[in-house]
């Protein structure tokens, strides 16, 4: 995660977050945190819709891995930092569980499909479609009754 995104979550200025990290730099080896190169940052900016390039950052952003984010809770001593850190760690665990379970299910389907003849191909293809998220979620209609007659306001 980018330092600026983490700063928003931790409710501190990005400069404050980076100062705390620099004071404790031994806690952040390269596999916990790294700084983007100019080319990487330009590529990132080109992928994100930004309103303007005026103002903005003077220094290249730092990026934190899962372990770096875990280390931040020890560096930023506040209740907000602890709560946010716990939430982020739980999200990482959920993502990992979801990723592994889907990979495991896909692997299992592939092995089962090899054992059965082609008449079940439609079934296996349908299961694979269910495992892949839809490209676009359609908007749901509002539930409940709406009157076709508009009421006049009394003035």
C-alpha atoms as a PDB file:
ATOM      1  CA  UNK A   1       0.000   0.000   0.000  1.00  0.00           C
ATOM      2  CA  UNK A   2       1.170   3.521  -0.691  1.00  0.00           C
ATOM      3  CA  UNK A   3       2.294   5.699   2.196  1.00  0.00           C
ATOM      4  CA  UNK A   4      -0.358   8.296   1.352  1.00  0.00           C
ATOM      5  CA  UNK A   5      -3.179   5.710   1.465  1.00  0.00           C
ATOM      6  CA  UNK A   6      -1.942   4.394   4.801  1.00  0.00           C
ATOM      7  CA  UNK A   7      -1.671   7.931   6.157  1.00  0.00           C
ATOM      8  CA  UNK A   8      -5.345   8.504   5.346  1.00  0.00           C
ATOM      9  CA  UNK A   9      -6.308   5.266   7.102  1.00  0.00           C
ATOM     10  CA  UNK A  10      -4.161   6.077  10.139  1.00  0.00           C
ATOM     11  CA  UNK A  11      -5.466   9.668  10.151  1.00  0.00           C
ATOM     12  CA  UNK A  12      -2.004  11.251  10.090  1.00  0.00           C
ATOM     13  CA  UNK A  13      -0.281  13.405   7.473  1.00  0.00           C
ATOM     14  CA  UNK A  14       1.879  11.429   5.026  1.00  0.00           C
ATOM     15  CA  UNK A  15       4.914  13.394   6.197  1.00  0.00           C
ATOM     16  CA  UNK A  16       4.246  12.299   9.813  1.00  0.00           C
ATOM     17  CA  UNK A  17       3.986   8.647   8.780  1.00  0.00           C
ATOM     18  CA  UNK A  18       7.230   8.846   6.783  1.00  0.00           C
ATOM     19  CA  UNK A  19       9.022  10.649   9.651  1.00  0.00           C
ATOM     20  CA  UNK A  20       8.051   7.872  12.055  1.00  0.00           C
ATOM     21  CA  UNK A  21       9.316   5.273   9.589  1.00  0.00           C
ATOM     22  CA  UNK A  22      12.634   7.089   9.064  1.00  0.00           C
ATOM     23  CA  UNK A  23      13.169   7.320  12.836  1.00  0.00           C
ATOM     24  CA  UNK A  24      12.735   3.530  12.966  1.00  0.00           C
ATOM     25  CA  UNK A  25      14.254   2.585   9.612  1.00  0.00           C
ATOM     26  CA  UNK A  26      15.828  -0.636  10.967  1.00  0.00           C
ATOM     27  CA  UNK A  27      12.293  -2.020  11.349  1.00  0.00           C
ATOM     28  CA  UNK A  28      11.645  -1.632   7.603  1.00  0.00           C
ATOM     29  CA  UNK A  29      13.954  -3.756   5.430  1.00  0.00           C
ATOM     30  CA  UNK A  30      13.441  -3.778   1.650  1.00  0.00           C
ATOM     31  CA  UNK A  31      10.907  -6.606   1.808  1.00  0.00           C
ATOM     32  CA  UNK A  32       8.771  -4.554   4.236  1.00  0.00           C
ATOM     33  CA  UNK A  33       8.978  -1.174   2.509  1.00  0.00           C
ATOM     34  CA  UNK A  34      10.509   0.322  -0.629  1.00  0.00           C
ATOM     35  CA  UNK A  35      10.434   3.595  -2.496  1.00  0.00           C
ATOM     36  CA  UNK A  36       9.009   3.750  -6.019  1.00  0.00           C
ATOM     37  CA  UNK A  37      11.318   4.813  -8.822  1.00  0.00           C
ATOM     38  CA  UNK A  38      10.422   7.841 -10.908  1.00  0.00           C
ATOM     39  CA  UNK A  39       9.321   5.568 -13.790  1.00  0.00           C
ATOM     40  CA  UNK A  40       7.159   3.416 -11.490  1.00  0.00           C
ATOM     41  CA  UNK A  41       5.551   6.514 -10.001  1.00  0.00           C
ATOM     42  CA  UNK A  42       4.829   7.991 -13.456  1.00  0.00           C
ATOM     43  CA  UNK A  43       3.297   4.674 -14.511  1.00  0.00           C
ATOM     44  CA  UNK A  44       1.149   4.665 -11.371  1.00  0.00           C
ATOM     45  CA  UNK A  45      -0.013   8.246 -12.001  1.00  0.00           C
ATOM     46  CA  UNK A  46      -0.924   7.379 -15.587  1.00  0.00           C
ATOM     47  CA  UNK A  47      -3.137   4.524 -14.310  1.00  0.00           C
ATOM     48  CA  UNK A  48      -4.916   6.654 -11.700  1.00  0.00           C
ATOM     49  CA  UNK A  49      -7.212   9.493 -12.665  1.00  0.00           C
ATOM     50  CA  UNK A  50      -5.807  12.648 -11.074  1.00  0.00           C
ATOM     51  CA  UNK A  51      -7.222  16.133 -11.237  1.00  0.00           C
ATOM     52  CA  UNK A  52      -3.896  17.877 -11.779  1.00  0.00           C
ATOM     53  CA  UNK A  53      -0.184  17.503 -11.304  1.00  0.00           C
ATOM     54  CA  UNK A  54       0.187  20.873  -9.562  1.00  0.00           C
ATOM     55  CA  UNK A  55       1.003  20.719  -5.880  1.00  0.00           C
ATOM     56  CA  UNK A  56       1.143  17.033  -5.062  1.00  0.00           C
ATOM     57  CA  UNK A  57       4.234  15.175  -3.889  1.00  0.00           C
ATOM     58  CA  UNK A  58       7.766  16.454  -3.718  1.00  0.00           C
ATOM     59  CA  UNK A  59       9.260  13.036  -2.956  1.00  0.00           C
ATOM     60  CA  UNK A  60       8.643   9.619  -4.450  1.00  0.00           C
ATOM     61  CA  UNK A  61       6.155   7.561  -2.424  1.00  0.00           C
ATOM     62  CA  UNK A  62       6.995   4.631  -0.206  1.00  0.00           C
ATOM     63  CA  UNK A  63       5.167   1.349  -0.631  1.00  0.00           C
ATOM     64  CA  UNK A  64       4.546  -0.991   2.298  1.00  0.00           C
ATOM     65  CA  UNK A  65       4.119  -4.743   2.083  1.00  0.00           C
ATOM     66  CA  UNK A  66       1.921  -6.714   4.470  1.00  0.00           C
ATOM     67  CA  UNK A  67       4.835  -7.103   6.899  1.00  0.00           C
ATOM     68  CA  UNK A  68       5.653  -3.386   6.642  1.00  0.00           C
ATOM     69  CA  UNK A  69       2.080  -2.477   7.483  1.00  0.00           C
ATOM     70  CA  UNK A  70       2.232  -4.780  10.505  1.00  0.00           C
ATOM     71  CA  UNK A  71       5.412  -3.023  11.611  1.00  0.00           C
ATOM     72  CA  UNK A  72       3.735   0.405  11.335  1.00  0.00           C
ATOM     73  CA  UNK A  73       1.520  -0.293  14.346  1.00  0.00           C
ATOM     74  CA  UNK A  74       4.627  -0.403  16.519  1.00  0.00           C
ATOM     75  CA  UNK A  75       5.924   2.850  15.077  1.00  0.00           C
ATOM     76  CA  UNK A  76       2.689   4.856  15.130  1.00  0.00           C
ATOM     77  CA  UNK A  77       1.589   4.768  18.752  1.00  0.00           C
ATOM     78  CA  UNK A  78      -2.114   5.573  18.725  1.00  0.00           C
ATOM     79  CA  UNK A  79      -5.371   3.725  19.218  1.00  0.00           C
ATOM     80  CA  UNK A  80      -6.357   4.561  15.632  1.00  0.00           C
ATOM     81  CA  UNK A  81      -3.128   3.012  14.308  1.00  0.00           C
ATOM     82  CA  UNK A  82      -3.711  -0.169  16.274  1.00  0.00           C
ATOM     83  CA  UNK A  83      -7.364  -0.487  15.165  1.00  0.00           C
ATOM     84  CA  UNK A  84      -6.548   0.233  11.529  1.00  0.00           C
ATOM     85  CA  UNK A  85      -3.661  -2.210  11.600  1.00  0.00           C
ATOM     86  CA  UNK A  86      -5.846  -4.989  12.971  1.00  0.00           C
ATOM     87  CA  UNK A  87      -8.422  -4.340  10.227  1.00  0.00           C
ATOM     88  CA  UNK A  88      -5.773  -4.362   7.487  1.00  0.00           C
ATOM     89  CA  UNK A  89      -4.253  -7.610   8.776  1.00  0.00           C
ATOM     90  CA  UNK A  90      -7.693  -9.241   8.843  1.00  0.00           C
ATOM     91  CA  UNK A  91      -8.296  -8.097   5.257  1.00  0.00           C
ATOM     92  CA  UNK A  92      -4.992  -9.649   4.136  1.00  0.00           C
ATOM     93  CA  UNK A  93      -5.931 -12.921   5.811  1.00  0.00           C
ATOM     94  CA  UNK A  94      -9.352 -12.922   4.101  1.00  0.00           C
ATOM     95  CA  UNK A  95      -7.813 -12.184   0.698  1.00  0.00           C
ATOM     96  CA  UNK A  96      -5.350 -14.999   1.192  1.00  0.00           C
ATOM     97  CA  UNK A  97      -8.094 -17.425   2.240  1.00  0.00           C
ATOM     98  CA  UNK A  98     -10.288 -16.449  -0.719  1.00  0.00           C
ATOM     99  CA  UNK A  99      -7.419 -16.773  -3.164  1.00  0.00           C
ATOM    100  CA  UNK A 100      -6.343 -20.168  -1.895  1.00  0.00           C
ATOM    101  CA  UNK A 101      -9.860 -21.553  -1.744  1.00  0.00           C
ATOM    102  CA  UNK A 102     -10.669 -20.515  -5.318  1.00  0.00           C
ATOM    103  CA  UNK A 103      -7.346 -21.894  -6.586  1.00  0.00           C
ATOM    104  CA  UNK A 104      -7.998 -25.151  -4.724  1.00  0.00           C
ATOM    105  CA  UNK A 105     -11.521 -25.450  -6.141  1.00  0.00           C
ATOM    106  CA  UNK A 106     -10.317 -24.757  -9.693  1.00  0.00           C
ATOM    107  CA  UNK A 107      -7.562 -27.366  -9.313  1.00  0.00           C
ATOM    108  CA  UNK A 108     -10.051 -29.909  -8.012  1.00  0.00           C
ATOM    109  CA  UNK A 109     -12.435 -29.241 -10.920  1.00  0.00           C
ATOM    110  CA  UNK A 110      -9.599 -29.745 -13.409  1.00  0.00           C
ATOM    111  CA  UNK A 111      -8.652 -33.086 -11.857  1.00  0.00           C
ATOM    112  CA  UNK A 112     -12.279 -34.299 -11.730  1.00  0.00           C
ATOM    113  CA  UNK A 113     -12.883 -33.203 -15.317  1.00  0.00           C
ATOM    114  CA  UNK A 114      -9.996 -35.385 -16.526  1.00  0.00           C
ATOM    115  CA  UNK A 115     -11.656 -38.447 -14.972  1.00  0.00           C
ATOM    116  CA  UNK A 116     -15.037 -37.969 -16.647  1.00  0.00           C
ATOM    117  CA  UNK A 117     -15.951 -37.845 -20.302  1.00  0.00           C
ATOM    118  CA  UNK A 118     -16.891 -34.787 -22.263  1.00  0.00           C
ATOM    119  CA  UNK A 119     -20.607 -34.961 -21.425  1.00  0.00           C
ATOM    120  CA  UNK A 120     -19.864 -33.123 -18.170  1.00  0.00           C
ATOM    121  CA  UNK A 121     -17.889 -30.351 -19.879  1.00  0.00           C
ATOM    122  CA  UNK A 122     -20.903 -28.027 -19.741  1.00  0.00           C
ATOM    123  CA  UNK A 123     -21.198 -28.557 -15.988  1.00  0.00           C
ATOM    124  CA  UNK A 124     -17.517 -27.863 -15.392  1.00  0.00           C
ATOM    125  CA  UNK A 125     -17.604 -24.769 -17.598  1.00  0.00           C
ATOM    126  CA  UNK A 126     -20.592 -23.455 -15.647  1.00  0.00           C
ATOM    127  CA  UNK A 127     -18.786 -23.998 -12.335  1.00  0.00           C
ATOM    128  CA  UNK A 128     -15.734 -22.141 -13.663  1.00  0.00           C
ATOM    129  CA  UNK A 129     -17.948 -19.202 -14.650  1.00  0.00           C
ATOM    130  CA  UNK A 130     -19.357 -19.104 -11.129  1.00  0.00           C
ATOM    131  CA  UNK A 131     -15.824 -18.973  -9.686  1.00  0.00           C
ATOM    132  CA  UNK A 132     -14.898 -15.971 -11.830  1.00  0.00           C
ATOM    133  CA  UNK A 133     -16.497 -12.722 -10.658  1.00  0.00           C
ATOM    134  CA  UNK A 134     -18.841 -11.014 -13.127  1.00  0.00           C
ATOM    135  CA  UNK A 135     -17.306  -8.260 -15.227  1.00  0.00           C
ATOM    136  CA  UNK A 136     -19.987  -5.783 -14.310  1.00  0.00           C
ATOM    137  CA  UNK A 137     -22.636  -5.907 -11.632  1.00  0.00           C
ATOM    138  CA  UNK A 138     -25.981  -4.615 -12.786  1.00  0.00           C
ATOM    139  CA  UNK A 139     -27.792  -2.067 -10.652  1.00  0.00           C
ATOM    140  CA  UNK A 140     -30.632  -3.498  -8.623  1.00  0.00           C
ATOM    141  CA  UNK A 141     -34.101  -2.051  -8.849  1.00  0.00           C
ATOM    142  CA  UNK A 142     -35.459  -0.397  -5.743  1.00  0.00           C
ATOM    143  CA  UNK A 143     -37.751  -2.611  -3.730  1.00  0.00           C
ATOM    144  CA  UNK A 144     -41.190  -1.556  -2.623  1.00  0.00           C
ATOM    145  CA  UNK A 145     -44.183   0.180  -4.104  1.00  0.00           C
ATOM    146  CA  UNK A 146     -43.947   3.505  -5.876  1.00  0.00           C
ATOM    147  CA  UNK A 147     -47.098   5.320  -6.815  1.00  0.00           C
ATOM    148  CA  UNK A 148     -47.437   6.253 -10.482  1.00  0.00           C
ATOM    149  CA  UNK A 149     -49.473   9.323  -9.424  1.00  0.00           C
ATOM    150  CA  UNK A 150     -47.452  12.319  -8.295  1.00  0.00           C
ATOM    151  CA  UNK A 151     -48.841  14.163  -5.301  1.00  0.00           C
ATOM    152  CA  UNK A 152     -49.316  17.905  -5.594  1.00  0.00           C
ATOM    153  CA  UNK A 153     -47.680  19.991  -2.932  1.00  0.00           C
ATOM    154  CA  UNK A 154     -49.911  22.278  -0.915  1.00  0.00           C
ATOM    155  CA  UNK A 155     -48.431  25.722  -0.736  1.00  0.00           C
END
